[in-house]
Amino acid sequence: MAAPRGRAMKWLASIVLIVIGVIFLLPLVWLVLASIDSSASLSVKWPEAPSFNNFITVLTPETSLIPLANSFILSAGCAIVTVLAAILAAYPLSRYSMRINKPFLYGVLFGTCLPITAMMVPVYALFVAFNLIDNMGGTILFLAATSLPMAIWMMKNFMDSVPISLEEAAWTDGASAMRTLRAIVVPLMRPGIAVVFIFVFIQTWGNFFIPFVLLLSPEKLPAAVSIFSFFGQYGSVAYGQLAAFSLLYSVPVLALYVLVSRLGGGSFALAGAVKG
């Protein structure tokens, strides 16, 4: 009796997984089909006359190229600043045992619980006071500050896996802490740095609220904000152009993930570094 019941449970589990997969796959299918349909709607259907007119329409500097460039500047700048700050913050937390380690980490974790909508009122007043409204650099710094708590936690976990014996050998030869961090720790945890970089980049790439509040000029708005230009008045939506723009919007993130995974793959094997 156990075998037929087990097979029935496997069939049931497979059916449930297939249904969930179809539910997740349908929006992607609609996105691809609507992007080549000049008269696209919310229904999933094969276009009567497939064409790339939607891509031609959205591939203009004002519609997609400048917003995508702004998104890349904000995301890359935020990821670089966050990774550098997270490495410097995680190193003493990982290598030195101090009484403030746990309280500091819990305080950092508490920073991730603060709702961004509640923080934006004083932040906006601060940006006005320092004349940073509509400033890309100021926006990058604030985006990095919002991403830093989780980045510190992730970076510390990756740094804990690097054997401290390698640094002790370098310290014996007279190397300073910063030199061992730069020459030993950072190269060995490149995949971990890549993971944090991608995490922060994607998080910033899809961030709508902060750029919407802090950036005012249309030529400085990222793609996450300018995508709402496809929503017209009285509920009208250019579905075909929206789908084409969404596909273009996802390409840089996918390309970054493939590039970083190929450059950093396989370099986190630390076992050979401590043998002998």
Protein backbone atom coordinates (compact mmCIF):
# COMPACT_ATOMS: atom_id res chain seq x y z
CA MET A 1 0.00 0.00 0.00
CA ALA A 2 2.94 2.31 0.64
CA ALA A 3 4.26 2.21 -2.94
CA PRO A 4 1.03 3.31 -4.71
CA ARG A 5 0.53 6.03 -2.12
CA GLY A 6 4.10 7.24 -2.63
CA ARG A 7 3.64 7.34 -6.39
CA ALA A 8 0.41 9.30 -5.96
CA MET A 9 2.17 11.87 -3.77
CA LYS A 10 4.95 12.22 -6.36
CA TRP A 11 2.40 12.77 -9.13
CA LEU A 12 0.57 15.32 -6.98
CA ALA A 13 3.80 17.15 -6.18
CA SER A 14 4.77 17.17 -9.87
CA ILE A 15 1.38 18.59 -10.88
CA VAL A 16 1.62 21.32 -8.25
CA LEU A 17 5.13 22.25 -9.40
CA ILE A 18 4.02 22.33 -13.04
CA VAL A 19 1.09 24.61 -12.18
CA ILE A 20 3.40 26.95 -10.23
CA GLY A 21 5.88 26.94 -13.12
CA VAL A 22 3.16 27.83 -15.62
CA ILE A 23 1.96 30.66 -13.36
CA PHE A 24 5.47 32.13 -13.29
CA LEU A 25 6.06 31.47 -16.99
CA LEU A 26 2.90 33.15 -18.32
CA PRO A 27 4.01 36.74 -17.56
CA LEU A 28 7.34 36.11 -19.29
CA VAL A 29 5.57 34.67 -22.33
CA TRP A 30 3.25 37.68 -22.42
CA LEU A 31 6.26 40.00 -22.17
CA VAL A 32 7.97 38.45 -25.19
CA LEU A 33 4.83 38.18 -27.34
CA ALA A 34 3.57 41.67 -26.47
CA SER A 35 6.93 43.23 -27.35
CA ILE A 36 6.56 42.10 -30.99
CA ASP A 37 2.84 42.86 -31.21
CA SER A 38 1.87 46.34 -32.42
CA SER A 39 -1.65 45.93 -31.00
CA ALA A 40 -0.73 44.19 -27.75
CA SER A 41 -3.19 43.88 -24.89
CA LEU A 42 -3.26 42.09 -21.54
CA SER A 43 -4.19 38.79 -23.16
CA VAL A 44 -1.50 36.26 -24.06
CA LYS A 45 -1.77 35.69 -27.81
CA TRP A 46 0.45 35.24 -30.80
CA PRO A 47 0.69 38.54 -32.71
CA GLU A 48 -1.09 38.66 -36.08
CA ALA A 49 1.81 40.50 -37.70
CA PRO A 50 4.99 40.17 -35.58
CA SER A 51 7.28 43.17 -35.88
CA PHE A 52 9.94 45.09 -33.98
CA ASN A 53 8.12 48.41 -34.20
CA ASN A 54 7.80 48.59 -30.42
CA PHE A 55 11.56 48.28 -30.00
CA ILE A 56 12.16 50.89 -32.70
CA THR A 57 9.74 53.23 -30.94
CA VAL A 58 11.32 52.93 -27.50
CA LEU A 59 14.95 52.88 -28.69
CA THR A 60 15.34 56.65 -28.57
CA PRO A 61 17.63 58.68 -26.30
CA GLU A 62 14.77 60.30 -24.40
CA THR A 63 12.72 57.12 -23.94
CA SER A 64 15.26 54.44 -23.11
CA LEU A 65 18.94 55.21 -23.74
CA ILE A 66 19.34 58.12 -21.31
CA PRO A 67 17.19 56.53 -18.55
CA LEU A 68 19.12 53.25 -18.88
CA ALA A 69 22.41 55.15 -18.71
CA ASN A 70 21.20 56.97 -15.60
CA SER A 71 20.18 53.64 -14.05
CA PHE A 72 23.61 52.21 -14.78
CA ILE A 73 25.38 55.24 -13.25
CA LEU A 74 23.25 55.09 -10.11
CA SER A 75 23.46 51.30 -9.74
CA ALA A 76 27.17 50.95 -10.50
CA GLY A 77 28.10 53.94 -8.35
CA CYS A 78 26.00 52.68 -5.45
CA ALA A 79 27.38 49.13 -5.77
CA ILE A 80 31.01 50.31 -5.84
CA VAL A 81 30.60 52.63 -2.84
CA THR A 82 28.68 49.98 -0.90
CA VAL A 83 31.18 47.20 -1.60
CA LEU A 84 34.16 49.34 -0.58
CA ALA A 85 32.47 50.51 2.62
CA ALA A 86 31.21 47.00 3.43
CA ILE A 87 34.70 45.50 3.08
CA LEU A 88 36.21 48.10 5.43
CA ALA A 89 33.36 47.65 7.94
CA ALA A 90 33.29 43.84 7.80
CA TYR A 91 37.05 43.33 8.21
CA PRO A 92 37.36 44.37 11.89
CA LEU A 93 34.05 42.65 12.69
CA SER A 94 35.37 39.42 11.19
CA ARG A 95 38.95 39.50 12.45
CA TYR A 96 38.79 41.13 15.90
CA SER A 97 36.75 39.99 18.88
CA MET A 98 35.36 43.06 20.61
CA ARG A 99 32.47 43.67 22.95
CA ILE A 100 30.80 45.98 20.47
CA ASN A 101 30.71 43.42 17.66
CA LYS A 102 27.31 41.93 18.39
CA PRO A 103 25.63 45.21 19.41
CA PHE A 104 27.01 46.84 16.29
CA LEU A 105 25.78 44.04 14.04
CA TYR A 106 22.35 44.08 15.65
CA GLY A 107 22.27 47.86 15.23
CA VAL A 108 23.14 47.42 11.57
CA LEU A 109 20.41 44.80 11.24
CA PHE A 110 17.95 47.20 12.84
CA GLY A 111 18.80 49.69 10.09
CA THR A 112 17.34 47.31 7.51
CA CYS A 113 13.99 47.33 9.35
CA LEU A 114 13.41 51.07 9.02
CA PRO A 115 10.77 51.84 6.35
CA ILE A 116 12.20 53.96 3.59
CA THR A 117 8.98 55.97 3.34
CA ALA A 118 9.42 57.16 6.94
CA MET A 119 13.08 58.03 6.38
CA MET A 120 12.52 60.10 3.24
CA VAL A 121 10.97 63.10 5.04
CA PRO A 122 14.08 63.97 7.11
CA VAL A 123 16.35 62.84 4.27
CA TYR A 124 14.59 65.21 1.86
CA ALA A 125 14.97 68.07 4.35
CA LEU A 126 18.67 67.20 4.74
CA PHE A 127 19.19 67.14 0.97
CA VAL A 128 17.49 70.53 0.67
CA ALA A 129 19.71 71.97 3.42
CA PHE A 130 22.88 70.74 1.70
CA ASN A 131 21.64 71.64 -1.81
CA LEU A 132 21.80 68.00 -2.96
CA ILE A 133 18.32 67.76 -4.49
CA ASP A 134 18.54 66.68 -8.13
CA ASN A 135 22.17 65.66 -7.59
CA MET A 136 23.31 62.26 -8.88
CA GLY A 137 26.25 62.04 -6.46
CA GLY A 138 24.11 62.71 -3.41
CA THR A 139 21.53 60.19 -4.58
CA ILE A 140 24.23 57.55 -5.07
CA LEU A 141 25.53 58.13 -1.53
CA PHE A 142 22.07 57.77 0.00
CA LEU A 143 21.34 54.65 -2.05
CA ALA A 144 24.63 53.22 -0.81
CA ALA A 145 23.69 54.06 2.78
CA THR A 146 20.40 52.17 2.45
CA SER A 147 22.18 49.14 0.95
CA LEU A 148 25.09 49.09 3.40
CA PRO A 149 23.49 47.23 6.37
CA MET A 150 22.71 44.06 4.43
CA ALA A 151 26.00 44.34 2.52
CA ILE A 152 27.97 44.40 5.78
CA TRP A 153 26.25 41.24 7.01
CA MET A 154 26.85 39.44 3.73
CA MET A 155 30.45 40.61 3.45
CA LYS A 156 31.27 39.54 7.01
CA ASN A 157 29.95 36.04 6.35
CA PHE A 158 32.11 35.72 3.24
CA MET A 159 35.13 37.15 5.06
CA ASP A 160 34.75 34.67 7.94
CA SER A 161 35.41 31.82 5.48
CA VAL A 162 38.86 33.18 4.58
CA PRO A 163 41.45 31.45 6.84
CA ILE A 164 43.08 33.91 9.21
CA SER A 165 46.26 31.80 9.16
CA LEU A 166 47.10 33.33 5.77
CA GLU A 167 47.00 36.81 7.27
CA GLU A 168 49.03 35.73 10.28
CA ALA A 169 51.78 34.54 7.95
CA ALA A 170 51.72 37.91 6.17
CA TRP A 171 51.78 39.76 9.50
CA THR A 172 54.85 37.75 10.48
CA ASP A 173 56.56 39.03 7.33
CA GLY A 174 55.77 42.60 8.36
CA ALA A 175 52.64 43.28 6.30
CA SER A 176 50.11 45.71 7.74
CA ALA A 177 46.43 44.92 8.26
CA MET A 178 45.40 47.01 5.27
CA ARG A 179 47.98 45.33 3.06
CA THR A 180 46.81 41.84 4.05
CA LEU A 181 43.23 42.92 3.43
CA ARG A 182 44.10 44.21 -0.02
CA ALA A 183 46.55 41.51 -1.09
CA ILE A 184 45.17 38.37 0.59
CA VAL A 185 41.60 38.66 1.84
CA VAL A 186 40.02 40.57 -1.05
CA PRO A 187 41.45 38.34 -3.83
CA LEU A 188 40.31 35.19 -2.02
CA MET A 189 36.75 36.42 -1.52
CA ARG A 190 36.17 37.76 -5.02
CA PRO A 191 33.08 35.60 -5.58
CA GLY A 192 31.62 36.90 -2.32
CA ILE A 193 32.34 40.47 -3.39
CA ALA A 194 30.70 39.70 -6.73
CA VAL A 195 27.59 38.40 -4.95
CA VAL A 196 27.33 41.57 -2.85
CA PHE A 197 27.96 43.73 -5.91
CA ILE A 198 25.22 42.02 -7.92
CA PHE A 199 22.82 42.13 -4.97
CA VAL A 200 23.30 45.87 -4.48
CA PHE A 201 23.30 46.58 -8.22
CA ILE A 202 19.99 44.77 -8.79
CA GLN A 203 18.46 46.35 -5.69
CA THR A 204 19.40 49.82 -6.91
CA TRP A 205 18.47 49.06 -10.52
CA GLY A 206 14.88 48.43 -9.51
CA ASN A 207 14.67 51.23 -6.93
CA PHE A 208 11.85 53.62 -7.81
CA PHE A 209 11.04 55.60 -4.70
CA ILE A 210 14.40 57.19 -3.82
CA PRO A 211 15.26 58.52 -7.33
CA PHE A 212 11.65 59.63 -7.76
CA VAL A 213 11.90 61.81 -4.63
CA LEU A 214 15.49 63.07 -4.89
CA LEU A 215 15.87 63.57 -8.66
CA LEU A 216 13.70 66.17 -10.37
CA SER A 217 15.14 66.72 -13.86
CA PRO A 218 13.71 64.40 -16.53
CA GLU A 219 17.17 63.91 -18.04
CA LYS A 220 18.45 62.50 -14.73
CA LEU A 221 15.65 60.05 -14.01
CA PRO A 222 16.54 56.32 -14.16
CA ALA A 223 14.62 53.73 -16.14
CA ALA A 224 12.74 52.54 -13.04
CA VAL A 225 11.06 55.96 -12.90
CA SER A 226 10.77 56.73 -16.61
CA ILE A 227 8.97 53.42 -17.25
CA PHE A 228 5.81 55.11 -15.99
CA SER A 229 5.79 57.27 -19.13
CA PHE A 230 4.11 54.32 -20.88
CA PHE A 231 1.07 54.73 -18.62
CA GLY A 232 -1.14 57.42 -20.10
CA GLN A 233 -4.15 59.27 -18.79
CA TYR A 234 -7.48 57.60 -18.02
CA GLY A 235 -5.85 54.18 -17.58
CA SER A 236 -4.47 53.85 -21.12
CA VAL A 237 -1.29 51.79 -21.36
CA ALA A 238 1.01 51.22 -24.34
CA TYR A 239 1.41 47.51 -23.64
CA GLY A 240 3.64 46.72 -26.60
CA GLN A 241 6.09 49.53 -25.87
CA LEU A 242 5.98 48.73 -22.16
CA ALA A 243 6.90 45.10 -22.86
CA ALA A 244 9.72 46.08 -25.24
CA PHE A 245 11.10 48.56 -22.72
CA SER A 246 10.87 45.96 -19.95
CA LEU A 247 12.94 43.49 -21.97
CA LEU A 248 15.58 46.14 -22.64
CA TYR A 249 15.46 47.06 -18.96
CA SER A 250 16.32 43.50 -17.90
CA VAL A 251 19.24 42.97 -20.31
CA PRO A 252 21.98 44.88 -18.38
CA VAL A 253 21.27 43.00 -15.15
CA LEU A 254 21.35 39.61 -16.88
CA ALA A 255 24.55 40.56 -18.72
CA LEU A 256 26.17 41.69 -15.45
CA TYR A 257 25.24 38.42 -13.73
CA VAL A 258 26.68 36.30 -16.56
CA LEU A 259 29.86 38.42 -16.74
CA VAL A 260 30.56 38.40 -13.00
CA SER A 261 29.74 34.70 -12.62
CA ARG A 262 32.24 33.82 -15.37
CA LEU A 263 34.97 36.11 -14.06
CA GLY A 264 34.61 35.02 -10.43
CA GLY A 265 33.52 31.43 -10.78
CA GLY A 266 35.67 28.80 -9.19
CA SER A 267 38.05 31.17 -7.39
CA PHE A 268 36.64 30.62 -3.92
CA ALA A 269 38.42 27.32 -3.33
CA LEU A 270 40.42 28.02 -0.20
CA ALA A 271 41.38 24.49 0.75
CA GLY A 272 44.61 24.52 -1.25
CA ALA A 273 45.70 27.80 0.29
CA VAL A 274 46.12 26.37 3.79
CA LYS A 275 47.64 22.97 2.97
CA GLY A 276 51.29 22.41 3.65
